[in-house]
Structures are given as C-alpha cells and as structure tokens.
Amino acid sequence: MKKLMTGVVLGLALAVGGAQLVAGPAQNVSARKHPNIAAAQGFLAKAAAKVTAAQKANEYDLGGHAAKAKDLIDQAAAELKLAAETANQNK
C-alpha cells in the first residue's frame, strides 16, 4: 500500500508539471502576468510537500526515488521561472 501511495504521489507530481517549491528561487512568477504558470507553480509546491510527506511516512526509505522526484520538481520550477521571464522579454 505504501508503494502504491508513493507511486500515486509521484505520478501526480509529474502530471502536474508546474513549479513553486516551498523553498525554491523559482517561486516569484507574478500571478497577474502569468496566471497559468503561477498556478502550475502552486501545484508543484503541493506535489513537493506530498513527496516530503511520503518520505517521512516511509522513514525516508524510498530508494532515492522520492529525492530524485523532488530534484525533478525543482528543475521544473526553474524552467517555469525561465518561461515567465522569456515571456516578459518578448512583450
């Protein structure tokens, strides 16, 4: 059951694909200028929190996969920030 729940959490994190990690530098996209990117950031923040909760619930024994998922979420956050910055430059 724990493996299933972890899989669901990771699947949601990857499906959402947005970014705003709780403590990441990529969380400063203006919701006014880029509401879709800001919403994606919010989903990623929630996904990161759920992955952390899964790690704690499983005493951090997830074979490194949760940590890798959090790294990928962080990468997605950075890409979304760059996307917003690029959109700002192109206007």
N, C-alpha and C. Protein backbone atom coordinates (compact mmCIF):
# COMPACT_ATOMS: atom_id res chain seq x y z
N MET A 1 0.82 -1.19 0.00
CA MET A 1 0.00 0.00 0.00
C MET A 1 0.87 1.26 0.00
N LYS A 2 1.99 1.21 0.75
CA LYS A 2 2.88 2.37 0.78
C LYS A 2 3.48 2.63 -0.60
N LYS A 3 3.84 1.55 -1.30
CA LYS A 3 4.42 1.72 -2.64
C LYS A 3 3.39 2.30 -3.60
N LEU A 4 2.15 1.86 -3.48
CA LEU A 4 1.08 2.38 -4.33
C LEU A 4 0.89 3.87 -4.07
N MET A 5 0.86 4.26 -2.80
CA MET A 5 0.66 5.66 -2.46
C MET A 5 1.82 6.51 -2.95
N THR A 6 3.02 6.00 -2.81
CA THR A 6 4.19 6.72 -3.32
C THR A 6 4.10 6.89 -4.82
N GLY A 7 3.68 5.84 -5.52
CA GLY A 7 3.53 5.91 -6.97
C GLY A 7 2.49 6.94 -7.37
N VAL A 8 1.40 6.99 -6.63
CA VAL A 8 0.35 7.97 -6.92
C VAL A 8 0.88 9.39 -6.72
N VAL A 9 1.59 9.60 -5.62
CA VAL A 9 2.14 10.93 -5.35
C VAL A 9 3.12 11.34 -6.44
N LEU A 10 4.01 10.42 -6.80
CA LEU A 10 4.98 10.75 -7.84
C LEU A 10 4.30 10.98 -9.18
N GLY A 11 3.29 10.18 -9.48
CA GLY A 11 2.55 10.37 -10.73
C GLY A 11 1.89 11.73 -10.78
N LEU A 12 1.30 12.14 -9.67
CA LEU A 12 0.68 13.46 -9.61
C LEU A 12 1.72 14.57 -9.77
N ALA A 13 2.85 14.37 -9.14
CA ALA A 13 3.90 15.39 -9.26
C ALA A 13 4.34 15.56 -10.70
N LEU A 14 4.49 14.45 -11.40
CA LEU A 14 4.92 14.53 -12.79
C LEU A 14 3.81 15.01 -13.71
N ALA A 15 2.58 14.63 -13.42
CA ALA A 15 1.46 15.04 -14.26
C ALA A 15 1.21 16.54 -14.15
N VAL A 16 1.34 17.06 -12.98
CA VAL A 16 1.10 18.48 -12.77
C VAL A 16 2.12 19.32 -13.53
N GLY A 17 3.38 18.93 -13.39
CA GLY A 17 4.44 19.54 -14.18
C GLY A 17 4.72 21.01 -13.93
N GLY A 18 4.19 21.64 -12.92
CA GLY A 18 4.43 23.06 -12.69
C GLY A 18 5.48 23.26 -11.63
N ALA A 19 5.59 24.50 -11.13
CA ALA A 19 6.64 24.70 -10.15
C ALA A 19 6.38 25.84 -9.20
N GLN A 20 6.64 25.65 -8.03
CA GLN A 20 6.82 26.63 -6.98
C GLN A 20 7.14 25.83 -5.75
N LEU A 21 8.38 25.51 -5.62
CA LEU A 21 8.78 24.73 -4.47
C LEU A 21 8.70 25.59 -3.23
N VAL A 22 8.46 24.96 -2.16
CA VAL A 22 8.27 25.68 -0.92
C VAL A 22 9.46 26.59 -0.63
N ALA A 23 10.66 26.14 -0.90
CA ALA A 23 11.83 26.96 -0.60
C ALA A 23 12.69 27.17 -1.84
N GLY A 24 12.08 27.28 -2.98
CA GLY A 24 12.86 27.42 -4.20
C GLY A 24 12.89 28.84 -4.71
N PRO A 25 13.91 29.19 -5.49
CA PRO A 25 14.03 30.54 -6.01
C PRO A 25 13.07 30.81 -7.16
N ALA A 26 12.43 29.79 -7.68
CA ALA A 26 11.60 29.94 -8.86
C ALA A 26 10.15 30.25 -8.52
N GLN A 27 9.88 30.75 -7.34
CA GLN A 27 8.51 30.95 -6.93
C GLN A 27 8.01 32.38 -7.09
N ASN A 28 8.72 33.19 -7.83
CA ASN A 28 8.39 34.61 -7.91
C ASN A 28 7.66 35.02 -9.19
N VAL A 29 6.98 34.11 -9.84
CA VAL A 29 6.25 34.46 -11.06
C VAL A 29 4.96 35.16 -10.67
N SER A 30 4.72 36.29 -11.29
CA SER A 30 3.53 37.08 -10.99
C SER A 30 2.27 36.38 -11.49
N ALA A 31 1.32 36.16 -10.58
CA ALA A 31 0.04 35.56 -10.96
C ALA A 31 -0.75 36.50 -11.87
N ARG A 32 -0.49 37.79 -11.71
CA ARG A 32 -1.19 38.77 -12.55
C ARG A 32 -0.74 38.68 -14.00
N LYS A 33 0.57 38.54 -14.21
CA LYS A 33 1.11 38.49 -15.56
C LYS A 33 1.01 37.10 -16.18
N HIS A 34 1.19 36.07 -15.37
CA HIS A 34 1.25 34.70 -15.88
C HIS A 34 0.43 33.76 -14.98
N PRO A 35 -0.89 33.87 -15.04
CA PRO A 35 -1.71 33.08 -14.10
C PRO A 35 -1.56 31.57 -14.28
N ASN A 36 -1.36 31.12 -15.49
CA ASN A 36 -1.22 29.67 -15.70
C ASN A 36 0.09 29.14 -15.15
N ILE A 37 1.16 29.90 -15.35
CA ILE A 37 2.46 29.49 -14.82
C ILE A 37 2.43 29.56 -13.29
N ALA A 38 1.83 30.60 -12.75
CA ALA A 38 1.73 30.71 -11.29
C ALA A 38 0.91 29.55 -10.71
N ALA A 39 -0.16 29.18 -11.39
CA ALA A 39 -0.96 28.04 -10.92
C ALA A 39 -0.15 26.75 -10.96
N ALA A 40 0.62 26.57 -12.03
CA ALA A 40 1.48 25.39 -12.13
C ALA A 40 2.49 25.36 -10.99
N GLN A 41 3.02 26.53 -10.65
CA GLN A 41 3.95 26.60 -9.53
C GLN A 41 3.29 26.15 -8.23
N GLY A 42 2.07 26.57 -8.04
CA GLY A 42 1.34 26.16 -6.84
C GLY A 42 1.14 24.66 -6.77
N PHE A 43 0.82 24.06 -7.91
CA PHE A 43 0.64 22.61 -7.95
C PHE A 43 1.96 21.90 -7.62
N LEU A 44 3.04 22.42 -8.13
CA LEU A 44 4.32 21.79 -7.84
C LEU A 44 4.71 21.94 -6.38
N ALA A 45 4.38 23.06 -5.78
CA ALA A 45 4.66 23.23 -4.36
C ALA A 45 3.92 22.17 -3.56
N LYS A 46 2.66 21.93 -3.94
CA LYS A 46 1.88 20.89 -3.25
C LYS A 46 2.46 19.51 -3.51
N ALA A 47 2.90 19.26 -4.72
CA ALA A 47 3.49 17.97 -5.05
C ALA A 47 4.76 17.74 -4.23
N ALA A 48 5.59 18.77 -4.13
CA ALA A 48 6.82 18.64 -3.35
C ALA A 48 6.51 18.34 -1.89
N ALA A 49 5.49 19.01 -1.36
CA ALA A 49 5.10 18.77 0.03
C ALA A 49 4.61 17.33 0.22
N LYS A 50 3.87 16.82 -0.76
CA LYS A 50 3.38 15.44 -0.66
C LYS A 50 4.51 14.43 -0.76
N VAL A 51 5.49 14.72 -1.59
CA VAL A 51 6.65 13.82 -1.69
C VAL A 51 7.39 13.81 -0.36
N THR A 52 7.55 14.98 0.24
CA THR A 52 8.20 15.05 1.55
C THR A 52 7.41 14.26 2.59
N ALA A 53 6.09 14.40 2.56
CA ALA A 53 5.25 13.64 3.49
C ALA A 53 5.40 12.14 3.27
N ALA A 54 5.49 11.74 2.01
CA ALA A 54 5.68 10.31 1.71
C ALA A 54 7.03 9.83 2.23
N GLN A 55 8.03 10.67 2.11
CA GLN A 55 9.35 10.31 2.63
C GLN A 55 9.28 10.10 4.15
N LYS A 56 8.65 11.03 4.83
CA LYS A 56 8.55 10.93 6.28
C LYS A 56 7.74 9.70 6.69
N ALA A 57 6.65 9.44 5.99
CA ALA A 57 5.79 8.30 6.31
C ALA A 57 6.51 6.98 6.10
N ASN A 58 7.46 6.97 5.21
CA ASN A 58 8.21 5.74 4.91
C ASN A 58 9.61 5.78 5.49
N GLU A 59 9.81 6.65 6.48
CA GLU A 59 11.11 6.79 7.14
C GLU A 59 12.24 6.98 6.14
N TYR A 60 11.95 7.73 5.10
CA TYR A 60 12.92 8.09 4.06
C TYR A 60 13.49 6.88 3.34
N ASP A 61 12.79 5.76 3.39
CA ASP A 61 13.25 4.53 2.73
C ASP A 61 12.47 4.33 1.43
N LEU A 62 12.77 5.16 0.44
CA LEU A 62 12.10 5.07 -0.86
C LEU A 62 13.11 4.87 -1.99
N GLY A 63 14.25 4.36 -1.62
CA GLY A 63 15.25 4.01 -2.62
C GLY A 63 15.82 5.19 -3.40
N GLY A 64 15.71 6.38 -2.86
CA GLY A 64 16.23 7.55 -3.55
C GLY A 64 15.30 8.11 -4.61
N HIS A 65 14.20 7.42 -4.86
CA HIS A 65 13.29 7.85 -5.92
C HIS A 65 12.53 9.13 -5.55
N ALA A 66 12.15 9.26 -4.30
CA ALA A 66 11.45 10.48 -3.88
C ALA A 66 12.39 11.68 -3.96
N ALA A 67 13.62 11.49 -3.56
CA ALA A 67 14.59 12.58 -3.65
C ALA A 67 14.80 12.98 -5.11
N LYS A 68 14.85 12.00 -5.99
CA LYS A 68 15.00 12.30 -7.41
C LYS A 68 13.78 13.05 -7.94
N ALA A 69 12.60 12.64 -7.48
CA ALA A 69 11.37 13.32 -7.90
C ALA A 69 11.40 14.78 -7.45
N LYS A 70 11.87 15.03 -6.23
CA LYS A 70 11.96 16.40 -5.75
C LYS A 70 12.98 17.20 -6.56
N ASP A 71 14.06 16.56 -6.98
CA ASP A 71 15.03 17.25 -7.84
C ASP A 71 14.38 17.62 -9.18
N LEU A 72 13.58 16.71 -9.72
CA LEU A 72 12.90 16.99 -11.00
C LEU A 72 11.86 18.09 -10.83
N ILE A 73 11.18 18.11 -9.70
CA ILE A 73 10.23 19.19 -9.43
C ILE A 73 10.97 20.52 -9.37
N ASP A 74 12.13 20.53 -8.75
CA ASP A 74 12.94 21.74 -8.67
C ASP A 74 13.36 22.20 -10.07
N GLN A 75 13.74 21.25 -10.91
CA GLN A 75 14.11 21.58 -12.29
C GLN A 75 12.92 22.17 -13.04
N ALA A 76 11.75 21.60 -12.84
CA ALA A 76 10.54 22.13 -13.49
C ALA A 76 10.25 23.54 -13.00
N ALA A 77 10.47 23.78 -11.72
CA ALA A 77 10.25 25.12 -11.16
C ALA A 77 11.16 26.14 -11.83
N ALA A 78 12.41 25.76 -11.99
CA ALA A 78 13.36 26.66 -12.64
C ALA A 78 12.96 26.93 -14.09
N GLU A 79 12.52 25.91 -14.79
CA GLU A 79 12.10 26.08 -16.19
C GLU A 79 10.87 26.99 -16.30
N LEU A 80 9.94 26.85 -15.38
CA LEU A 80 8.77 27.72 -15.42
C LEU A 80 9.14 29.17 -15.15
N LYS A 81 10.06 29.38 -14.25
CA LYS A 81 10.51 30.75 -14.00
C LYS A 81 11.15 31.32 -15.26
N LEU A 82 11.98 30.53 -15.92
CA LEU A 82 12.61 30.98 -17.17
C LEU A 82 11.56 31.24 -18.25
N ALA A 83 10.54 30.42 -18.29
CA ALA A 83 9.46 30.63 -19.29
C ALA A 83 8.78 31.97 -19.06
N ALA A 84 8.48 32.28 -17.80
CA ALA A 84 7.85 33.56 -17.49
C ALA A 84 8.76 34.73 -17.84
N GLU A 85 10.05 34.58 -17.50
CA GLU A 85 10.99 35.65 -17.81
C GLU A 85 11.12 35.86 -19.33
N THR A 86 11.12 34.77 -20.08
CA THR A 86 11.19 34.87 -21.54
C THR A 86 9.95 35.56 -22.09
N ALA A 87 8.79 35.20 -21.55
CA ALA A 87 7.55 35.85 -21.99
C ALA A 87 7.60 37.34 -21.71
N ASN A 88 8.15 37.70 -20.57
CA ASN A 88 8.26 39.13 -20.23
C ASN A 88 9.18 39.87 -21.20
N GLN A 89 10.26 39.23 -21.62
CA GLN A 89 11.19 39.86 -22.55
C GLN A 89 10.61 39.98 -23.95
N ASN A 90 9.73 39.07 -24.32
CA ASN A 90 9.16 39.06 -25.67
C ASN A 90 7.97 39.99 -25.83
N LYS A 91 7.59 40.71 -24.80
CA LYS A 91 6.44 41.59 -24.90
C LYS A 91 6.86 43.01 -25.16
